[in-house]
PDB file of N, CA and C in Angstrom:
ATOM      1  N   MET A   1     -11.833 -44.856 -69.315  1.00  0.00           N
ATOM      2  CA  MET A   1     -12.285 -45.220 -68.245  1.00  0.00           C
ATOM      3  C   MET A   1     -10.511 -44.699 -67.773  1.00  0.00           C
ATOM      4  N   THR A   2      -9.617 -46.274 -67.957  1.00  0.00           N
ATOM      5  CA  THR A   2      -8.169 -46.248 -67.444  1.00  0.00           C
ATOM      6  C   THR A   2      -7.262 -45.123 -67.891  1.00  0.00           C
ATOM      7  N   ALA A   3      -7.755 -44.291 -69.263  1.00  0.00           N
ATOM      8  CA  ALA A   3      -6.538 -43.232 -69.746  1.00  0.00           C
ATOM      9  C   ALA A   3      -7.308 -42.199 -68.593  1.00  0.00           C
ATOM     10  N   THR A   4      -8.676 -41.926 -68.695  1.00  0.00           N
ATOM     11  CA  THR A   4      -8.958 -40.445 -67.787  1.00  0.00           C
ATOM     12  C   THR A   4      -8.367 -40.710 -65.895  1.00  0.00           C
ATOM     13  N   LEU A   5      -8.453 -41.904 -65.555  1.00  0.00           N
ATOM     14  CA  LEU A   5      -7.678 -41.880 -64.321  1.00  0.00           C
ATOM     15  C   LEU A   5      -6.358 -41.713 -64.501  1.00  0.00           C
ATOM     16  N   ALA A   6      -5.894 -42.354 -65.616  1.00  0.00           N
ATOM     17  CA  ALA A   6      -4.376 -41.697 -65.703  1.00  0.00           C
ATOM     18  C   ALA A   6      -3.957 -40.674 -65.711  1.00  0.00           C
ATOM     19  N   SER A   7      -4.767 -39.546 -66.289  1.00  0.00           N
ATOM     20  CA  SER A   7      -4.816 -38.436 -67.066  1.00  0.00           C
ATOM     21  C   SER A   7      -4.914 -37.606 -65.652  1.00  0.00           C
ATOM     22  N   TYR A   8      -5.734 -38.026 -64.845  1.00  0.00           N
ATOM     23  CA  TYR A   8      -6.229 -37.577 -63.203  1.00  0.00           C
ATOM     24  C   TYR A   8      -4.871 -37.711 -62.526  1.00  0.00           C
ATOM     25  N   SER A   9      -4.271 -38.946 -62.374  1.00  0.00           N
ATOM     26  CA  SER A   9      -3.028 -39.381 -61.499  1.00  0.00           C
ATOM     27  C   SER A   9      -1.776 -38.224 -61.632  1.00  0.00           C
ATOM     28  N   VAL A  10      -2.162 -38.516 -62.880  1.00  0.00           N
ATOM     29  CA  VAL A  10      -0.811 -37.307 -63.622  1.00  0.00           C
ATOM     30  C   VAL A  10      -0.800 -35.552 -63.092  1.00  0.00           C
ATOM     31  N   VAL A  11      -1.979 -35.393 -63.132  1.00  0.00           N
ATOM     32  CA  VAL A  11      -2.305 -34.093 -63.110  1.00  0.00           C
ATOM     33  C   VAL A  11      -2.481 -33.575 -61.556  1.00  0.00           C
ATOM     34  N   LEU A  12      -2.997 -34.673 -60.730  1.00  0.00           N
ATOM     35  CA  LEU A  12      -2.701 -34.760 -59.466  1.00  0.00           C
ATOM     36  C   LEU A  12      -1.205 -34.633 -59.038  1.00  0.00           C
ATOM     37  N   THR A  13      -1.176 -35.300 -59.653  1.00  0.00           N
ATOM     38  CA  THR A  13       0.819 -35.471 -59.108  1.00  0.00           C
ATOM     39  C   THR A  13       1.926 -34.590 -59.417  1.00  0.00           C
ATOM     40  N   TYR A  14       1.596 -34.048 -60.305  1.00  0.00           N
ATOM     41  CA  TYR A  14       1.900 -32.593 -60.965  1.00  0.00           C
ATOM     42  C   TYR A  14       1.920 -31.724 -60.080  1.00  0.00           C
ATOM     43  N   SER A  15       0.418 -31.970 -59.648  1.00  0.00           N
ATOM     44  CA  SER A  15      -0.376 -30.326 -58.598  1.00  0.00           C
ATOM     45  C   SER A  15       0.454 -30.583 -57.411  1.00  0.00           C
ATOM     46  N   ALA A  16       0.904 -31.641 -56.784  1.00  0.00           N
ATOM     47  CA  ALA A  16       1.306 -31.913 -55.517  1.00  0.00           C
ATOM     48  C   ALA A  16       2.849 -31.306 -55.591  1.00  0.00           C
ATOM     49  N   MET A  17       3.491 -31.792 -56.615  1.00  0.00           N
ATOM     50  CA  MET A  17       4.639 -31.399 -57.178  1.00  0.00           C
ATOM     51  C   MET A  17       4.573 -30.018 -56.978  1.00  0.00           C
ATOM     52  N   ALA A  18       4.142 -29.150 -57.324  1.00  0.00           N
ATOM     53  CA  ALA A  18       3.957 -27.903 -57.327  1.00  0.00           C
ATOM     54  C   ALA A  18       3.437 -27.125 -56.053  1.00  0.00           C
ATOM     55  N   VAL A  19       3.144 -27.821 -54.974  1.00  0.00           N
ATOM     56  CA  VAL A  19       2.867 -27.528 -53.773  1.00  0.00           C
ATOM     57  C   VAL A  19       4.107 -27.524 -53.139  1.00  0.00           C
ATOM     58  N   TYR A  20       4.529 -28.613 -53.100  1.00  0.00           N
ATOM     59  CA  TYR A  20       5.723 -28.699 -52.329  1.00  0.00           C
ATOM     60  C   TYR A  20       6.802 -27.966 -52.951  1.00  0.00           C
ATOM     61  N   VAL A  21       7.206 -27.667 -53.995  1.00  0.00           N
ATOM     62  CA  VAL A  21       8.434 -26.533 -54.542  1.00  0.00           C
ATOM     63  C   VAL A  21       7.650 -25.087 -53.588  1.00  0.00           C
ATOM     64  N   ILE A  22       6.135 -24.809 -54.193  1.00  0.00           N
ATOM     65  CA  ILE A  22       5.511 -23.432 -53.294  1.00  0.00           C
ATOM     66  C   ILE A  22       6.255 -23.526 -52.165  1.00  0.00           C
ATOM     67  N   ALA A  23       5.892 -24.394 -50.874  1.00  0.00           N
ATOM     68  CA  ALA A  23       6.110 -24.495 -49.586  1.00  0.00           C
ATOM     69  C   ALA A  23       7.465 -24.274 -49.461  1.00  0.00           C
ATOM     70  N   PHE A  24       8.712 -25.242 -49.973  1.00  0.00           N
ATOM     71  CA  PHE A  24      10.103 -25.675 -49.958  1.00  0.00           C
ATOM     72  C   PHE A  24      10.166 -23.617 -50.485  1.00  0.00           C
ATOM     73  N   ILE A  25       9.894 -23.061 -51.015  1.00  0.00           N
ATOM     74  CA  ILE A  25      10.654 -21.768 -51.423  1.00  0.00           C
ATOM     75  C   ILE A  25       9.816 -21.087 -50.328  1.00  0.00           C
ATOM     76  N   ALA A  26       8.836 -21.026 -49.691  1.00  0.00           N
ATOM     77  CA  ALA A  26       8.450 -20.273 -48.998  1.00  0.00           C
ATOM     78  C   ALA A  26       9.008 -20.176 -47.498  1.00  0.00           C
ATOM     79  N   PHE A  27       9.564 -21.738 -47.193  1.00  0.00           N
ATOM     80  CA  PHE A  27      10.713 -21.880 -46.157  1.00  0.00           C
ATOM     81  C   PHE A  27      11.352 -21.211 -46.159  1.00  0.00           C
ATOM     82  N   ALA A  28      12.278 -21.436 -47.585  1.00  0.00           N
ATOM     83  CA  ALA A  28      13.615 -21.067 -47.618  1.00  0.00           C
ATOM     84  C   ALA A  28      13.684 -19.413 -47.311  1.00  0.00           C
ATOM     85  N   LEU A  29      12.405 -18.159 -47.676  1.00  0.00           N
ATOM     86  CA  LEU A  29      12.940 -17.558 -47.730  1.00  0.00           C
ATOM     87  C   LEU A  29      12.497 -16.908 -46.329  1.00  0.00           C
ATOM     88  N   ASP A  30      11.527 -17.371 -45.780  1.00  0.00           N
ATOM     89  CA  ASP A  30      11.657 -17.086 -44.193  1.00  0.00           C
ATOM     90  C   ASP A  30      12.252 -17.610 -43.118  1.00  0.00           C
ATOM     91  N   MET A  31      13.359 -18.682 -43.811  1.00  0.00           N
ATOM     92  CA  MET A  31      14.485 -18.968 -42.962  1.00  0.00           C
ATOM     93  C   MET A  31      15.567 -18.015 -42.853  1.00  0.00           C
ATOM     94  N   ALA A  32      15.629 -17.374 -44.613  1.00  0.00           N
ATOM     95  CA  ALA A  32      16.627 -16.430 -44.694  1.00  0.00           C
ATOM     96  C   ALA A  32      16.076 -14.883 -44.262  1.00  0.00           C
ATOM     97  N   LYS A  33      14.918 -14.980 -44.266  1.00  0.00           N
ATOM     98  CA  LYS A  33      14.617 -13.858 -43.506  1.00  0.00           C
ATOM     99  C   LYS A  33      15.031 -13.723 -41.817  1.00  0.00           C
ATOM    100  N   ARG A  34      14.986 -14.868 -41.233  1.00  0.00           N
ATOM    101  CA  ARG A  34      15.012 -15.028 -40.148  1.00  0.00           C
ATOM    102  C   ARG A  34      16.324 -14.812 -39.192  1.00  0.00           C
ATOM    103  N   ALA A  35      17.437 -15.559 -40.350  1.00  0.00           N
ATOM    104  CA  ALA A  35      19.297 -15.471 -40.284  1.00  0.00           C
ATOM    105  C   ALA A  35      19.661 -13.822 -40.471  1.00  0.00           C
ATOM    106  N   GLY A  36      18.265 -13.789 -40.816  1.00  0.00           N
ATOM    107  CA  GLY A  36      18.696 -11.880 -41.317  1.00  0.00           C
ATOM    108  C   GLY A  36      18.749 -11.508 -40.418  1.00  0.00           C
ATOM    109  N   ASN A  37      18.197 -11.435 -39.802  1.00  0.00           N
ATOM    110  CA  ASN A  37      17.263 -10.639 -38.445  1.00  0.00           C
ATOM    111  C   ASN A  37      18.537 -11.101 -37.236  1.00  0.00           C
ATOM    112  N   VAL A  38      19.115 -11.918 -37.359  1.00  0.00           N
ATOM    113  CA  VAL A  38      19.647 -12.123 -36.345  1.00  0.00           C
ATOM    114  C   VAL A  38      21.469 -11.876 -36.800  1.00  0.00           C
ATOM    115  N   ALA A  39      21.720 -12.219 -37.505  1.00  0.00           N
ATOM    116  CA  ALA A  39      22.714 -11.464 -38.401  1.00  0.00           C
ATOM    117  C   ALA A  39      22.753  -9.980 -37.874  1.00  0.00           C
ATOM    118  N   ALA A  40      21.783  -9.404 -37.713  1.00  0.00           N
ATOM    119  CA  ALA A  40      21.495  -7.960 -37.726  1.00  0.00           C
ATOM    120  C   ALA A  40      21.448  -7.472 -36.217  1.00  0.00           C
ATOM    121  N   GLY A  41      21.474  -8.155 -35.157  1.00  0.00           N
ATOM    122  CA  GLY A  41      21.645  -8.325 -33.773  1.00  0.00           C
ATOM    123  C   GLY A  41      20.114  -8.338 -33.004  1.00  0.00           C
ATOM    124  N   GLY A  42      19.009  -8.800 -34.487  1.00  0.00           N
ATOM    125  CA  GLY A  42      17.958  -8.678 -33.165  1.00  0.00           C
ATOM    126  C   GLY A  42      17.377 -10.502 -33.241  1.00  0.00           C
ATOM    127  N   THR A  43      16.547 -10.468 -32.735  1.00  0.00           N
ATOM    128  CA  THR A  43      16.229 -11.849 -32.592  1.00  0.00           C
ATOM    129  C   THR A  43      15.120 -12.589 -32.667  1.00  0.00           C
ATOM    130  N   THR A  44      14.327 -13.430 -32.869  1.00  0.00           N
ATOM    131  CA  THR A  44      13.140 -14.327 -33.496  1.00  0.00           C
ATOM    132  C   THR A  44      13.020 -14.979 -32.094  1.00  0.00           C
ATOM    133  N   ALA A  45      11.443 -15.246 -32.399  1.00  0.00           N
ATOM    134  CA  ALA A  45      10.712 -15.868 -30.978  1.00  0.00           C
ATOM    135  C   ALA A  45      11.459 -17.401 -30.876  1.00  0.00           C
ATOM    136  N   ALA A  46      12.300 -17.927 -31.786  1.00  0.00           N
ATOM    137  CA  ALA A  46      12.169 -19.699 -31.288  1.00  0.00           C
ATOM    138  C   ALA A  46      13.267 -19.390 -31.130  1.00  0.00           C
ATOM    139  N   ALA A  47      14.832 -18.299 -31.079  1.00  0.00           N
ATOM    140  CA  ALA A  47      15.322 -18.577 -30.487  1.00  0.00           C
ATOM    141  C   ALA A  47      15.528 -18.488 -28.955  1.00  0.00           C
ATOM    142  N   PRO A  48      16.850 -18.949 -28.090  1.00  0.00           N
ATOM    143  CA  PRO A  48      17.090 -19.818 -26.596  1.00  0.00           C
ATOM    144  C   PRO A  48      17.441 -17.998 -26.767  1.00  0.00           C
ATOM    145  N   SER A  49      17.245 -18.100 -25.174  1.00  0.00           N
ATOM    146  CA  SER A  49      17.935 -16.696 -24.759  1.00  0.00           C
ATOM    147  C   SER A  49      19.351 -17.345 -24.351  1.00  0.00           C
ATOM    148  N   ALA A  50      20.619 -16.420 -24.297  1.00  0.00           N
ATOM    149  CA  ALA A  50      21.143 -16.562 -23.543  1.00  0.00           C
ATOM    150  C   ALA A  50      22.170 -16.300 -22.414  1.00  0.00           C
ATOM    151  N   THR A  51      20.915 -15.771 -21.634  1.00  0.00           N
ATOM    152  CA  THR A  51      20.974 -15.423 -20.422  1.00  0.00           C
ATOM    153  C   THR A  51      20.259 -16.022 -19.776  1.00  0.00           C
ATOM    154  N   ALA A  52      20.260 -17.270 -19.858  1.00  0.00           N
ATOM    155  CA  ALA A  52      19.214 -18.445 -18.995  1.00  0.00           C
ATOM    156  C   ALA A  52      19.804 -18.389 -17.520  1.00  0.00           C
ATOM    157  N   PRO A  53      18.491 -18.762 -16.986  1.00  0.00           N
ATOM    158  CA  PRO A  53      19.096 -18.881 -14.795  1.00  0.00           C
ATOM    159  C   PRO A  53      20.413 -19.618 -14.916  1.00  0.00           C
ATOM    160  N   ALA A  54      20.804 -19.680 -14.289  1.00  0.00           N
ATOM    161  CA  ALA A  54      22.345 -21.431 -13.643  1.00  0.00           C
ATOM    162  C   ALA A  54      21.433 -22.452 -13.527  1.00  0.00           C
ATOM    163  N   GLU A  55      20.465 -22.453 -12.603  1.00  0.00           N
ATOM    164  CA  GLU A  55      19.682 -23.421 -12.286  1.00  0.00           C
ATOM    165  C   GLU A  55      19.060 -24.365 -13.322  1.00  0.00           C
ATOM    166  N   HIS A  56      19.528 -23.729 -14.474  1.00  0.00           N
ATOM    167  CA  HIS A  56      19.112 -24.881 -15.192  1.00  0.00           C
ATOM    168  C   HIS A  56      19.861 -25.479 -16.432  1.00  0.00           C
ATOM    169  N   TRP A  57      21.114 -25.414 -15.591  1.00  0.00           N
ATOM    170  CA  TRP A  57      22.617 -26.074 -16.549  1.00  0.00           C
ATOM    171  C   TRP A  57      23.774 -26.628 -14.937  1.00  0.00           C
ATOM    172  N   PRO A  58      23.637 -27.360 -15.514  1.00  0.00           N
ATOM    173  CA  PRO A  58      23.733 -28.399 -16.181  1.00  0.00           C
ATOM    174  C   PRO A  58      22.626 -29.593 -15.671  1.00  0.00           C
ATOM    175  N   LEU A  59      21.806 -29.828 -16.543  1.00  0.00           N
ATOM    176  CA  LEU A  59      20.511 -30.338 -16.687  1.00  0.00           C
ATOM    177  C   LEU A  59      20.562 -31.917 -15.921  1.00  0.00           C
ATOM    178  N   TYR A  60      22.062 -32.235 -15.671  1.00  0.00           N
ATOM    179  CA  TYR A  60      22.165 -33.874 -15.108  1.00  0.00           C
ATOM    180  C   TYR A  60      23.511 -34.031 -14.397  1.00  0.00           C
ATOM    181  N   THR A  61      23.803 -33.970 -13.256  1.00  0.00           N
ATOM    182  CA  THR A  61      24.969 -33.637 -12.942  1.00  0.00           C
ATOM    183  C   THR A  61      25.811 -35.447 -12.019  1.00  0.00           C
ATOM    184  N   LEU A  62      26.385 -35.556 -12.161  1.00  0.00           N
ATOM    185  CA  LEU A  62      26.740 -36.893 -11.372  1.00  0.00           C
ATOM    186  C   LEU A  62      27.443 -36.397  -9.748  1.00  0.00           C
ATOM    187  N   ASP A  63      26.253 -37.521  -9.225  1.00  0.00           N
ATOM    188  CA  ASP A  63      27.094 -37.835  -7.999  1.00  0.00           C
ATOM    189  C   ASP A  63      27.886 -38.601  -7.351  1.00  0.00           C
ATOM    190  N   ALA A  64      28.201 -38.672  -5.974  1.00  0.00           N
ATOM    191  CA  ALA A  64      29.087 -40.254  -5.642  1.00  0.00           C
ATOM    192  C   ALA A  64      28.556 -40.836  -5.875  1.00  0.00           C
ATOM    193  N   ALA A  65      27.404 -41.141  -5.439  1.00  0.00           N
ATOM    194  CA  ALA A  65      26.712 -42.271  -5.783  1.00  0.00           C
ATOM    195  C   ALA A  65      26.453 -43.140  -6.991  1.00  0.00           C
ATOM    196  N   ASP A  66      26.507 -42.082  -7.513  1.00  0.00           N
ATOM    197  CA  ASP A  66      26.463 -42.120  -9.625  1.00  0.00           C
ATOM    198  C   ASP A  66      27.200 -42.678 -10.084  1.00  0.00           C
ATOM    199  N   GLU A  67      28.041 -42.900  -9.712  1.00  0.00           N
ATOM    200  CA  GLU A  67      29.477 -43.242 -10.511  1.00  0.00           C
ATOM    201  C   GLU A  67      29.781 -44.690 -10.509  1.00  0.00           C
TER     202      GLU A  67
END
């Protein structure tokens, strides 16, 4: 019984490792694709706008009373 559980544990551990490797490769490929789009002059959905309205910057200012 213990040998069976040990073999199941090893199989599940290796399966989890394979899933993480596949997910990491997919993530790396997606990031490379997004970096290629930005380098080519395109934009991504997650990229912030470079023309943000002026009222959003700076987020905090010091007044004379705050000093």
